[in-house]
């Protein structure tokens, strides 16, 4: 594979981790992140989310929720998701704190708010390397079914980018073809950092 990829959602739990897991299995050089202030998982009600700090191991979250209400968190898919996440990496990471991880060639986000936060963060970084990165937003609802669909679509796009002679020259055609075929609108930007 030619490029380094980052998958980014709000909490580095569902959408980014589903895509990270799939791309990793396909041999891509991929990492994943969240942009939120904290990691939030559904709780017993909308007003009672489970909130964790970035860096809290997925296994620790799994054990905590299994202690609280194993039936609820199994039924809503949170325990299986956390189990999957723990096989991909140790803990959720925050995008804004990832500078030590090096640069990425392609960054996928899964909601417009996250796309905007990634672009803002890249624009505010020290521009030492002046590396060119492609940032793509593929809007995906934050549920398990849509995350699986989004991961497959992200994989398709990554494969097209890898196959291109020069993504810089062909990104407009790749995006146009994808939008026609999938009937999904993409946002994208090229950023230097």
N, C-alpha and C. Protein backbone atom coordinates (compact mmCIF):
# COMPACT_ATOMS: atom_id res chain seq x y z
N UNK A 1 0.84 -1.19 0.00
CA UNK A 1 0.00 0.00 0.00
C UNK A 1 0.88 1.25 0.00
N UNK A 2 0.43 2.25 -0.73
CA UNK A 2 1.24 3.45 -0.92
C UNK A 2 1.04 4.49 0.19
N UNK A 3 -0.15 4.52 0.79
CA UNK A 3 -0.50 5.67 1.63
C UNK A 3 -0.79 5.27 3.09
N UNK A 4 -0.70 6.28 3.96
CA UNK A 4 -1.12 6.12 5.37
C UNK A 4 -2.51 6.75 5.50
N UNK A 5 -3.40 6.03 6.16
CA UNK A 5 -4.78 6.47 6.30
C UNK A 5 -5.13 6.69 7.77
N UNK A 6 -6.03 7.66 8.00
CA UNK A 6 -6.60 7.86 9.33
C UNK A 6 -8.12 7.87 9.18
N UNK A 7 -8.80 7.18 10.08
CA UNK A 7 -10.26 7.14 10.13
C UNK A 7 -10.67 7.91 11.38
N UNK A 8 -11.56 8.91 11.24
CA UNK A 8 -11.85 9.79 12.36
C UNK A 8 -13.36 9.97 12.53
N UNK A 9 -13.84 9.73 13.74
CA UNK A 9 -15.22 10.07 14.11
C UNK A 9 -15.17 10.83 15.43
N UNK A 10 -16.25 10.93 16.12
CA UNK A 10 -16.28 11.75 17.33
C UNK A 10 -15.59 11.08 18.53
N UNK A 11 -15.91 9.81 18.77
CA UNK A 11 -15.41 9.15 19.98
C UNK A 11 -14.42 8.01 19.73
N UNK A 12 -14.06 7.75 18.47
CA UNK A 12 -13.16 6.64 18.12
C UNK A 12 -13.69 5.32 18.68
N UNK A 13 -14.99 5.10 18.42
CA UNK A 13 -15.64 3.89 18.93
C UNK A 13 -16.30 3.08 17.82
N UNK A 14 -17.20 3.71 17.08
CA UNK A 14 -18.05 2.96 16.16
C UNK A 14 -17.60 3.12 14.70
N UNK A 15 -17.86 4.27 14.12
CA UNK A 15 -17.60 4.46 12.69
C UNK A 15 -16.12 4.37 12.34
N UNK A 16 -15.28 5.11 13.07
CA UNK A 16 -13.85 5.08 12.75
C UNK A 16 -13.24 3.71 13.04
N UNK A 17 -13.72 3.04 14.08
CA UNK A 17 -13.16 1.74 14.43
C UNK A 17 -13.64 0.63 13.49
N UNK A 18 -14.86 0.73 13.01
CA UNK A 18 -15.35 -0.25 12.02
C UNK A 18 -14.50 -0.15 10.76
N UNK A 19 -14.24 1.09 10.31
CA UNK A 19 -13.42 1.29 9.12
C UNK A 19 -11.96 0.88 9.39
N UNK A 20 -11.43 1.24 10.56
CA UNK A 20 -10.06 0.87 10.92
C UNK A 20 -9.90 -0.65 10.88
N UNK A 21 -10.85 -1.36 11.49
CA UNK A 21 -10.80 -2.81 11.55
C UNK A 21 -10.81 -3.42 10.13
N UNK A 22 -11.71 -2.94 9.28
CA UNK A 22 -11.83 -3.49 7.92
C UNK A 22 -10.57 -3.19 7.10
N UNK A 23 -10.10 -1.96 7.13
CA UNK A 23 -8.91 -1.61 6.34
C UNK A 23 -7.67 -2.34 6.85
N UNK A 24 -7.56 -2.50 8.15
CA UNK A 24 -6.43 -3.23 8.73
C UNK A 24 -6.42 -4.68 8.21
N UNK A 25 -7.60 -5.31 8.20
CA UNK A 25 -7.69 -6.69 7.70
C UNK A 25 -7.33 -6.79 6.22
N UNK A 26 -7.52 -5.67 5.49
CA UNK A 26 -7.20 -5.65 4.06
C UNK A 26 -5.75 -5.23 3.79
N UNK A 27 -4.98 -5.03 4.86
CA UNK A 27 -3.56 -4.73 4.71
C UNK A 27 -3.19 -3.27 4.57
N UNK A 28 -4.12 -2.37 4.84
CA UNK A 28 -3.82 -0.93 4.75
C UNK A 28 -3.05 -0.46 5.99
N UNK A 29 -2.24 0.58 5.81
CA UNK A 29 -1.57 1.26 6.92
C UNK A 29 -2.57 2.28 7.45
N UNK A 30 -3.26 1.94 8.52
CA UNK A 30 -4.40 2.74 8.98
C UNK A 30 -4.36 2.93 10.50
N UNK A 31 -4.80 4.11 10.91
CA UNK A 31 -4.98 4.45 12.33
C UNK A 31 -6.37 5.04 12.48
N UNK A 32 -6.80 5.25 13.72
CA UNK A 32 -8.12 5.86 13.92
C UNK A 32 -8.11 6.76 15.14
N UNK A 33 -9.05 7.72 15.12
CA UNK A 33 -9.08 8.76 16.16
C UNK A 33 -10.51 9.25 16.37
N UNK A 34 -10.67 10.03 17.45
CA UNK A 34 -11.90 10.76 17.71
C UNK A 34 -11.57 12.23 17.90
N UNK A 35 -12.55 13.10 17.73
CA UNK A 35 -12.30 14.54 17.88
C UNK A 35 -12.99 15.15 19.09
N UNK A 36 -13.83 14.38 19.79
CA UNK A 36 -14.58 14.93 20.90
C UNK A 36 -13.70 15.28 22.10
N UNK A 37 -14.30 15.96 23.06
CA UNK A 37 -13.58 16.28 24.30
C UNK A 37 -13.43 15.02 25.15
N UNK A 38 -14.42 14.14 25.07
CA UNK A 38 -14.42 12.88 25.81
C UNK A 38 -14.99 11.79 24.91
N UNK A 39 -14.82 10.56 25.33
CA UNK A 39 -15.43 9.43 24.65
C UNK A 39 -16.81 9.23 25.27
N UNK A 40 -17.84 9.25 24.43
CA UNK A 40 -19.20 9.06 24.94
C UNK A 40 -19.81 7.82 24.33
N UNK A 41 -20.38 6.99 25.19
CA UNK A 41 -21.12 5.80 24.76
C UNK A 41 -22.53 5.89 25.31
N UNK A 42 -23.50 5.32 24.59
CA UNK A 42 -24.88 5.36 25.08
C UNK A 42 -24.99 4.76 26.48
N UNK A 43 -25.88 5.36 27.26
CA UNK A 43 -26.15 4.87 28.61
C UNK A 43 -27.59 4.40 28.70
N UNK A 44 -28.09 4.29 29.93
CA UNK A 44 -29.47 3.84 30.11
C UNK A 44 -30.50 4.81 29.53
N UNK A 45 -30.13 6.09 29.38
CA UNK A 45 -31.02 7.08 28.75
C UNK A 45 -30.15 8.09 28.01
N UNK A 46 -30.78 8.92 27.18
CA UNK A 46 -30.04 9.94 26.44
C UNK A 46 -29.31 10.91 27.35
N UNK A 47 -29.91 11.17 28.53
CA UNK A 47 -29.30 12.12 29.47
C UNK A 47 -28.23 11.47 30.35
N UNK A 48 -28.04 10.17 30.20
CA UNK A 48 -27.08 9.47 31.04
C UNK A 48 -26.07 8.68 30.20
N UNK A 49 -25.28 9.38 29.36
CA UNK A 49 -24.29 8.64 28.58
C UNK A 49 -23.16 8.15 29.49
N UNK A 50 -22.45 7.16 29.03
CA UNK A 50 -21.24 6.73 29.71
C UNK A 50 -20.10 7.55 29.11
N UNK A 51 -19.36 8.26 29.96
CA UNK A 51 -18.32 9.16 29.50
C UNK A 51 -16.96 8.67 30.02
N UNK A 52 -16.00 8.59 29.12
CA UNK A 52 -14.65 8.15 29.46
C UNK A 52 -13.64 9.13 28.88
N UNK A 53 -12.46 9.14 29.43
CA UNK A 53 -11.37 9.93 28.86
C UNK A 53 -10.76 9.18 27.69
N UNK A 54 -10.28 9.91 26.68
CA UNK A 54 -9.49 9.27 25.64
C UNK A 54 -8.30 8.60 26.32
N UNK A 55 -7.91 7.46 25.81
CA UNK A 55 -6.81 6.71 26.42
C UNK A 55 -7.28 5.64 27.39
N UNK A 56 -8.58 5.67 27.77
CA UNK A 56 -9.13 4.60 28.61
C UNK A 56 -9.23 3.34 27.75
N UNK A 57 -8.59 2.24 28.15
CA UNK A 57 -8.62 1.03 27.31
C UNK A 57 -10.04 0.54 27.03
N UNK A 58 -10.24 0.05 25.81
CA UNK A 58 -11.55 -0.49 25.43
C UNK A 58 -11.96 -1.62 26.37
N UNK A 59 -11.00 -2.44 26.80
CA UNK A 59 -11.30 -3.55 27.71
C UNK A 59 -11.83 -3.03 29.05
N UNK A 60 -11.27 -1.93 29.52
CA UNK A 60 -11.74 -1.32 30.78
C UNK A 60 -13.19 -0.84 30.63
N UNK A 61 -13.52 -0.22 29.50
CA UNK A 61 -14.89 0.22 29.24
C UNK A 61 -15.82 -0.99 29.17
N UNK A 62 -15.38 -2.03 28.47
CA UNK A 62 -16.15 -3.27 28.35
C UNK A 62 -16.46 -3.82 29.75
N UNK A 63 -15.45 -3.94 30.59
CA UNK A 63 -15.64 -4.48 31.94
C UNK A 63 -16.57 -3.60 32.77
N UNK A 64 -16.43 -2.28 32.63
CA UNK A 64 -17.27 -1.33 33.37
C UNK A 64 -18.74 -1.48 32.97
N UNK A 65 -19.01 -1.53 31.68
CA UNK A 65 -20.40 -1.62 31.22
C UNK A 65 -20.99 -3.01 31.48
N UNK A 66 -20.16 -4.02 31.41
CA UNK A 66 -20.65 -5.37 31.71
C UNK A 66 -21.04 -5.47 33.18
N UNK A 67 -20.32 -4.76 34.03
CA UNK A 67 -20.67 -4.70 35.46
C UNK A 67 -21.98 -3.94 35.68
N UNK A 68 -22.16 -2.84 34.95
CA UNK A 68 -23.33 -1.97 35.15
C UNK A 68 -24.63 -2.64 34.70
N UNK A 69 -24.66 -3.14 33.45
CA UNK A 69 -25.90 -3.71 32.91
C UNK A 69 -25.57 -4.54 31.67
N UNK A 70 -25.14 -5.80 31.88
CA UNK A 70 -24.69 -6.61 30.75
C UNK A 70 -25.77 -6.82 29.68
N UNK A 71 -27.01 -6.97 30.07
CA UNK A 71 -28.08 -7.21 29.09
C UNK A 71 -28.30 -5.99 28.20
N UNK A 72 -28.38 -4.81 28.81
CA UNK A 72 -28.59 -3.58 28.04
C UNK A 72 -27.47 -3.37 27.03
N UNK A 73 -26.22 -3.49 27.47
CA UNK A 73 -25.09 -3.17 26.61
C UNK A 73 -24.79 -4.28 25.59
N UNK A 74 -25.27 -5.46 25.84
CA UNK A 74 -25.17 -6.53 24.83
C UNK A 74 -26.24 -6.29 23.77
N UNK A 75 -27.47 -5.97 24.24
CA UNK A 75 -28.61 -5.76 23.35
C UNK A 75 -28.38 -4.57 22.41
N UNK A 76 -27.81 -3.49 22.93
CA UNK A 76 -27.62 -2.31 22.07
C UNK A 76 -26.31 -2.36 21.28
N UNK A 77 -25.57 -3.47 21.39
CA UNK A 77 -24.39 -3.67 20.56
C UNK A 77 -23.11 -3.04 21.08
N UNK A 78 -23.16 -2.41 22.25
CA UNK A 78 -21.97 -1.73 22.76
C UNK A 78 -20.89 -2.72 23.21
N UNK A 79 -21.28 -3.78 23.90
CA UNK A 79 -20.28 -4.76 24.35
C UNK A 79 -19.59 -5.45 23.16
N UNK A 80 -20.33 -5.93 22.15
CA UNK A 80 -19.64 -6.51 20.99
C UNK A 80 -18.72 -5.50 20.28
N UNK A 81 -19.16 -4.25 20.20
CA UNK A 81 -18.35 -3.21 19.57
C UNK A 81 -17.04 -3.01 20.34
N UNK A 82 -17.13 -2.92 21.67
CA UNK A 82 -15.93 -2.73 22.48
C UNK A 82 -14.99 -3.93 22.37
N UNK A 83 -15.58 -5.12 22.30
CA UNK A 83 -14.76 -6.33 22.13
C UNK A 83 -13.99 -6.25 20.81
N UNK A 84 -14.69 -5.88 19.73
CA UNK A 84 -14.03 -5.72 18.42
C UNK A 84 -12.92 -4.67 18.51
N UNK A 85 -13.25 -3.53 19.12
CA UNK A 85 -12.27 -2.44 19.22
C UNK A 85 -11.00 -2.89 19.92
N UNK A 86 -11.14 -3.69 20.97
CA UNK A 86 -9.96 -4.11 21.74
C UNK A 86 -9.07 -5.06 20.94
N UNK A 87 -9.60 -5.65 19.86
CA UNK A 87 -8.76 -6.49 19.00
C UNK A 87 -8.02 -5.66 17.96
N UNK A 88 -8.43 -4.40 17.79
CA UNK A 88 -7.81 -3.53 16.79
C UNK A 88 -6.70 -2.68 17.42
N UNK A 89 -6.98 -2.13 18.61
CA UNK A 89 -5.98 -1.33 19.32
C UNK A 89 -6.36 -1.24 20.79
N UNK A 90 -5.48 -0.69 21.60
CA UNK A 90 -5.67 -0.67 23.05
C UNK A 90 -6.80 0.26 23.51
N UNK A 91 -6.81 1.50 22.99
CA UNK A 91 -7.70 2.53 23.55
C UNK A 91 -8.02 3.59 22.50
N UNK A 92 -9.13 4.31 22.69
CA UNK A 92 -9.44 5.41 21.77
C UNK A 92 -8.39 6.52 21.90
N UNK A 93 -8.08 7.12 20.75
CA UNK A 93 -7.11 8.20 20.71
C UNK A 93 -7.77 9.45 20.17
N UNK A 94 -7.28 10.59 20.61
CA UNK A 94 -7.85 11.87 20.19
C UNK A 94 -7.04 12.44 19.02
N UNK A 95 -7.75 12.83 17.95
CA UNK A 95 -7.11 13.37 16.76
C UNK A 95 -6.20 14.55 17.09
N UNK A 96 -6.69 15.46 17.91
CA UNK A 96 -5.95 16.69 18.19
C UNK A 96 -4.65 16.42 18.94
N UNK A 97 -4.49 15.21 19.49
CA UNK A 97 -3.29 14.86 20.24
C UNK A 97 -2.41 13.88 19.48
N UNK A 98 -2.58 13.76 18.16
CA UNK A 98 -1.91 12.69 17.41
C UNK A 98 -0.64 13.11 16.69
N UNK A 99 -0.16 14.31 16.90
CA UNK A 99 0.99 14.80 16.12
C UNK A 99 2.18 13.84 16.17
N UNK A 100 2.39 13.18 17.29
CA UNK A 100 3.52 12.25 17.42
C UNK A 100 3.36 11.01 16.53
N UNK A 101 2.14 10.75 16.06
CA UNK A 101 1.91 9.59 15.21
C UNK A 101 2.40 9.80 13.78
N UNK A 102 2.85 11.00 13.47
CA UNK A 102 3.32 11.29 12.11
C UNK A 102 2.18 11.79 11.24
N UNK A 103 2.47 11.92 9.96
CA UNK A 103 1.47 12.50 9.06
C UNK A 103 0.72 11.41 8.31
N UNK A 104 -0.42 11.79 7.79
CA UNK A 104 -1.28 10.88 7.03
C UNK A 104 -1.46 11.44 5.63
N UNK A 105 -1.61 10.53 4.67
CA UNK A 105 -1.86 10.95 3.29
C UNK A 105 -3.34 11.20 3.05
N UNK A 106 -4.19 10.35 3.66
CA UNK A 106 -5.63 10.43 3.46
C UNK A 106 -6.31 10.30 4.82
N UNK A 107 -7.21 11.23 5.11
CA UNK A 107 -7.96 11.22 6.37
C UNK A 107 -9.45 11.15 6.02
N UNK A 108 -10.12 10.13 6.54
CA UNK A 108 -11.56 10.00 6.37
C UNK A 108 -12.25 10.44 7.63
N UNK A 109 -13.31 11.26 7.47
CA UNK A 109 -14.19 11.58 8.59
C UNK A 109 -15.58 11.07 8.23
N UNK A 110 -16.43 10.92 9.24
CA UNK A 110 -17.73 10.30 9.01
C UNK A 110 -18.90 11.19 9.41
N UNK A 111 -18.60 12.46 9.69
CA UNK A 111 -19.66 13.47 9.84
C UNK A 111 -19.03 14.84 9.63
N UNK A 112 -19.85 15.76 9.13
CA UNK A 112 -19.33 17.07 8.71
C UNK A 112 -18.68 17.83 9.86
N UNK A 113 -19.24 17.75 11.05
CA UNK A 113 -18.67 18.44 12.22
C UNK A 113 -17.24 17.95 12.48
N UNK A 114 -17.01 16.66 12.34
CA UNK A 114 -15.68 16.08 12.55
C UNK A 114 -14.73 16.53 11.43
N UNK A 115 -15.22 16.54 10.19
CA UNK A 115 -14.46 17.04 9.04
C UNK A 115 -13.96 18.45 9.32
N UNK A 116 -14.86 19.32 9.78
CA UNK A 116 -14.49 20.71 10.08
C UNK A 116 -13.44 20.78 11.18
N UNK A 117 -13.59 19.94 12.21
CA UNK A 117 -12.63 19.94 13.33
C UNK A 117 -11.25 19.46 12.87
N UNK A 118 -11.21 18.46 12.00
CA UNK A 118 -9.93 17.96 11.50
C UNK A 118 -9.24 19.05 10.67
N UNK A 119 -10.00 19.69 9.78
CA UNK A 119 -9.41 20.75 8.96
C UNK A 119 -8.90 21.90 9.83
N UNK A 120 -9.70 22.29 10.82
CA UNK A 120 -9.29 23.37 11.71
C UNK A 120 -8.01 22.99 12.45
N UNK A 121 -7.95 21.77 12.94
CA UNK A 121 -6.77 21.32 13.67
C UNK A 121 -5.54 21.32 12.75
N UNK A 122 -5.67 20.78 11.54
CA UNK A 122 -4.53 20.75 10.61
C UNK A 122 -4.05 22.16 10.28
N UNK A 123 -4.98 23.08 10.11
CA UNK A 123 -4.61 24.47 9.79
C UNK A 123 -3.91 25.16 10.95
N UNK A 124 -4.17 24.69 12.17
CA UNK A 124 -3.55 25.32 13.35
C UNK A 124 -2.24 24.66 13.76
N UNK A 125 -1.87 23.57 13.14
CA UNK A 125 -0.62 22.89 13.50
C UNK A 125 0.59 23.65 12.96
N UNK A 126 1.75 23.41 13.59
CA UNK A 126 3.00 23.96 13.06
C UNK A 126 3.25 23.29 11.71
N UNK A 127 3.41 24.08 10.71
CA UNK A 127 3.56 23.54 9.36
C UNK A 127 5.04 23.32 9.05
N UNK A 128 5.61 22.33 9.71
CA UNK A 128 7.03 22.04 9.55
C UNK A 128 7.29 21.29 8.26
N UNK A 129 6.52 20.24 8.00
CA UNK A 129 6.78 19.37 6.86
C UNK A 129 6.13 19.85 5.57
N UNK A 130 5.03 20.57 5.68
CA UNK A 130 4.24 20.98 4.52
C UNK A 130 3.84 19.74 3.72
N UNK A 131 3.28 18.78 4.40
CA UNK A 131 2.82 17.54 3.76
C UNK A 131 1.40 17.75 3.25
N UNK A 132 1.13 17.23 2.08
CA UNK A 132 -0.19 17.32 1.47
C UNK A 132 -1.04 16.15 1.95
N UNK A 133 -2.24 16.44 2.42
CA UNK A 133 -3.16 15.39 2.87
C UNK A 133 -4.53 15.62 2.25
N UNK A 134 -5.16 14.51 1.89
CA UNK A 134 -6.52 14.54 1.37
C UNK A 134 -7.46 14.23 2.52
N UNK A 135 -8.41 15.13 2.77
CA UNK A 135 -9.40 14.94 3.83
C UNK A 135 -10.74 14.70 3.15
N UNK A 136 -11.39 13.57 3.45
CA UNK A 136 -12.67 13.22 2.82
C UNK A 136 -13.71 13.00 3.92
N UNK A 137 -14.88 13.60 3.75
CA UNK A 137 -15.98 13.32 4.66
C UNK A 137 -17.02 12.46 3.94
N UNK A 138 -17.27 11.30 4.52
CA UNK A 138 -18.29 10.37 4.07
C UNK A 138 -19.32 10.33 5.20
N UNK A 139 -20.46 10.98 5.00
CA UNK A 139 -21.47 11.09 6.06
C UNK A 139 -22.04 9.70 6.37
N UNK A 140 -21.94 9.30 7.65
CA UNK A 140 -22.41 7.98 8.08
C UNK A 140 -23.13 8.15 9.42
N UNK A 141 -24.38 7.65 9.50
CA UNK A 141 -25.12 7.69 10.76
C UNK A 141 -24.37 6.86 11.79
N UNK A 142 -24.43 7.30 13.04
CA UNK A 142 -23.69 6.63 14.12
C UNK A 142 -24.50 5.47 14.69
N UNK A 143 -24.67 4.42 13.88
CA UNK A 143 -25.24 3.17 14.39
C UNK A 143 -24.44 2.03 13.78
N UNK A 144 -24.59 0.83 14.33
CA UNK A 144 -23.73 -0.28 13.93
C UNK A 144 -23.91 -0.68 12.46
N UNK A 145 -25.16 -0.67 11.98
CA UNK A 145 -25.42 -1.07 10.60
C UNK A 145 -24.80 -0.08 9.62
N UNK A 146 -25.03 1.21 9.85
CA UNK A 146 -24.49 2.23 8.95
C UNK A 146 -22.97 2.28 9.03
N UNK A 147 -22.42 2.03 10.21
CA UNK A 147 -20.95 2.02 10.35
C UNK A 147 -20.35 0.93 9.48
N UNK A 148 -21.01 -0.23 9.39
CA UNK A 148 -20.51 -1.33 8.56
C UNK A 148 -20.57 -0.94 7.08
N UNK A 149 -21.67 -0.29 6.67
CA UNK A 149 -21.81 0.18 5.28
C UNK A 149 -20.74 1.24 5.00
N UNK A 150 -20.59 2.18 5.91
CA UNK A 150 -19.59 3.25 5.74
C UNK A 150 -18.18 2.72 5.63
N UNK A 151 -17.85 1.69 6.42
CA UNK A 151 -16.51 1.10 6.36
C UNK A 151 -16.25 0.49 4.98
N UNK A 152 -17.24 -0.20 4.42
CA UNK A 152 -17.07 -0.80 3.09
C UNK A 152 -16.91 0.29 2.02
N UNK A 153 -17.68 1.37 2.15
CA UNK A 153 -17.55 2.47 1.19
C UNK A 153 -16.18 3.15 1.31
N UNK A 154 -15.72 3.32 2.55
CA UNK A 154 -14.38 3.91 2.76
C UNK A 154 -13.31 3.01 2.15
N UNK A 155 -13.46 1.70 2.33
CA UNK A 155 -12.51 0.75 1.74
C UNK A 155 -12.50 0.89 0.21
N UNK A 156 -13.69 0.97 -0.39
CA UNK A 156 -13.77 1.13 -1.85
C UNK A 156 -13.02 2.38 -2.31
N UNK A 157 -13.25 3.48 -1.59
CA UNK A 157 -12.57 4.73 -1.95
C UNK A 157 -11.06 4.62 -1.77
N UNK A 158 -10.63 3.99 -0.69
CA UNK A 158 -9.19 3.81 -0.45
C UNK A 158 -8.57 2.98 -1.56
N UNK A 159 -9.27 1.95 -2.01
CA UNK A 159 -8.74 1.12 -3.09
C UNK A 159 -8.63 1.91 -4.39
N UNK A 160 -9.59 2.78 -4.64
CA UNK A 160 -9.52 3.62 -5.84
C UNK A 160 -8.38 4.61 -5.76
N UNK A 161 -8.18 5.19 -4.58
CA UNK A 161 -7.08 6.15 -4.39
C UNK A 161 -5.75 5.44 -4.57
N UNK A 162 -5.62 4.24 -4.00
CA UNK A 162 -4.38 3.45 -4.14
C UNK A 162 -4.11 3.13 -5.61
N UNK A 163 -5.16 2.84 -6.37
CA UNK A 163 -5.00 2.43 -7.77
C UNK A 163 -4.67 3.60 -8.70
N UNK A 164 -4.95 4.81 -8.26
CA UNK A 164 -4.73 5.98 -9.11
C UNK A 164 -3.23 6.22 -9.31
N UNK A 165 -2.88 6.66 -10.48
CA UNK A 165 -1.49 7.02 -10.77
C UNK A 165 -1.07 8.16 -9.85
N UNK A 166 -1.95 9.15 -9.73
CA UNK A 166 -1.71 10.30 -8.85
C UNK A 166 -3.08 10.76 -8.31
N UNK A 167 -3.32 10.57 -7.02
CA UNK A 167 -4.64 10.95 -6.51
C UNK A 167 -4.88 12.44 -6.66
N UNK A 168 -3.81 13.23 -6.60
CA UNK A 168 -3.98 14.68 -6.75
C UNK A 168 -4.61 15.02 -8.10
N UNK A 169 -4.22 14.28 -9.14
CA UNK A 169 -4.75 14.55 -10.48
C UNK A 169 -6.12 13.91 -10.71
N UNK A 170 -6.44 12.85 -9.98
CA UNK A 170 -7.67 12.11 -10.30
C UNK A 170 -8.73 12.16 -9.21
N UNK A 171 -8.51 12.90 -8.13
CA UNK A 171 -9.47 12.88 -7.01
C UNK A 171 -10.84 13.39 -7.44
N UNK A 172 -10.89 14.41 -8.28
CA UNK A 172 -12.20 14.92 -8.72
C UNK A 172 -12.99 13.83 -9.45
N UNK A 173 -12.33 13.08 -10.32
CA UNK A 173 -12.99 11.99 -11.05
C UNK A 173 -13.38 10.86 -10.11
N UNK A 174 -12.51 10.52 -9.15
CA UNK A 174 -12.82 9.47 -8.18
C UNK A 174 -14.07 9.83 -7.38
N UNK A 175 -14.12 11.08 -6.90
CA UNK A 175 -15.26 11.53 -6.10
C UNK A 175 -16.53 11.56 -6.94
N UNK A 176 -16.46 12.11 -8.15
CA UNK A 176 -17.64 12.19 -9.02
C UNK A 176 -18.18 10.79 -9.32
N UNK A 177 -17.31 9.86 -9.65
CA UNK A 177 -17.72 8.49 -9.93
C UNK A 177 -18.35 7.83 -8.71
N UNK A 178 -17.75 8.03 -7.55
CA UNK A 178 -18.28 7.46 -6.31
C UNK A 178 -19.68 8.02 -6.02
N UNK A 179 -19.82 9.35 -6.12
CA UNK A 179 -21.11 9.98 -5.82
C UNK A 179 -22.22 9.48 -6.75
N UNK A 180 -21.90 9.31 -8.02
CA UNK A 180 -22.89 8.79 -8.97
C UNK A 180 -23.27 7.36 -8.63
N UNK A 181 -22.26 6.54 -8.39
CA UNK A 181 -22.50 5.12 -8.15
C UNK A 181 -23.20 4.87 -6.81
N UNK A 182 -22.79 5.56 -5.77
CA UNK A 182 -23.30 5.30 -4.42
C UNK A 182 -24.45 6.23 -4.01
N UNK A 183 -24.69 7.27 -4.79
CA UNK A 183 -25.72 8.27 -4.46
C UNK A 183 -25.49 8.86 -3.06
N UNK A 184 -24.25 9.14 -2.78
CA UNK A 184 -23.85 9.78 -1.52
C UNK A 184 -22.92 10.93 -1.86
N UNK A 185 -23.15 12.03 -1.20
CA UNK A 185 -22.34 13.23 -1.43
C UNK A 185 -21.10 13.18 -0.52
N UNK A 186 -19.96 13.52 -1.08
CA UNK A 186 -18.72 13.59 -0.31
C UNK A 186 -18.27 15.04 -0.20
N UNK A 187 -17.68 15.38 0.93
CA UNK A 187 -16.94 16.64 1.07
C UNK A 187 -15.48 16.25 1.03
N UNK A 188 -14.66 17.06 0.39
CA UNK A 188 -13.23 16.79 0.46
C UNK A 188 -12.44 18.07 0.33
N UNK A 189 -11.25 18.00 0.87
CA UNK A 189 -10.37 19.15 0.88
C UNK A 189 -8.92 18.65 0.86
N UNK A 190 -8.05 19.45 0.32
CA UNK A 190 -6.62 19.13 0.40
C UNK A 190 -6.01 20.10 1.38
N UNK A 191 -5.30 19.56 2.35
CA UNK A 191 -4.72 20.38 3.41
C UNK A 191 -3.22 20.15 3.46
N UNK A 192 -2.49 21.17 3.85
CA UNK A 192 -1.04 21.04 4.04
C UNK A 192 -0.74 21.20 5.51
N UNK A 193 0.08 20.30 6.03
CA UNK A 193 0.47 20.43 7.44
C UNK A 193 1.84 19.83 7.66
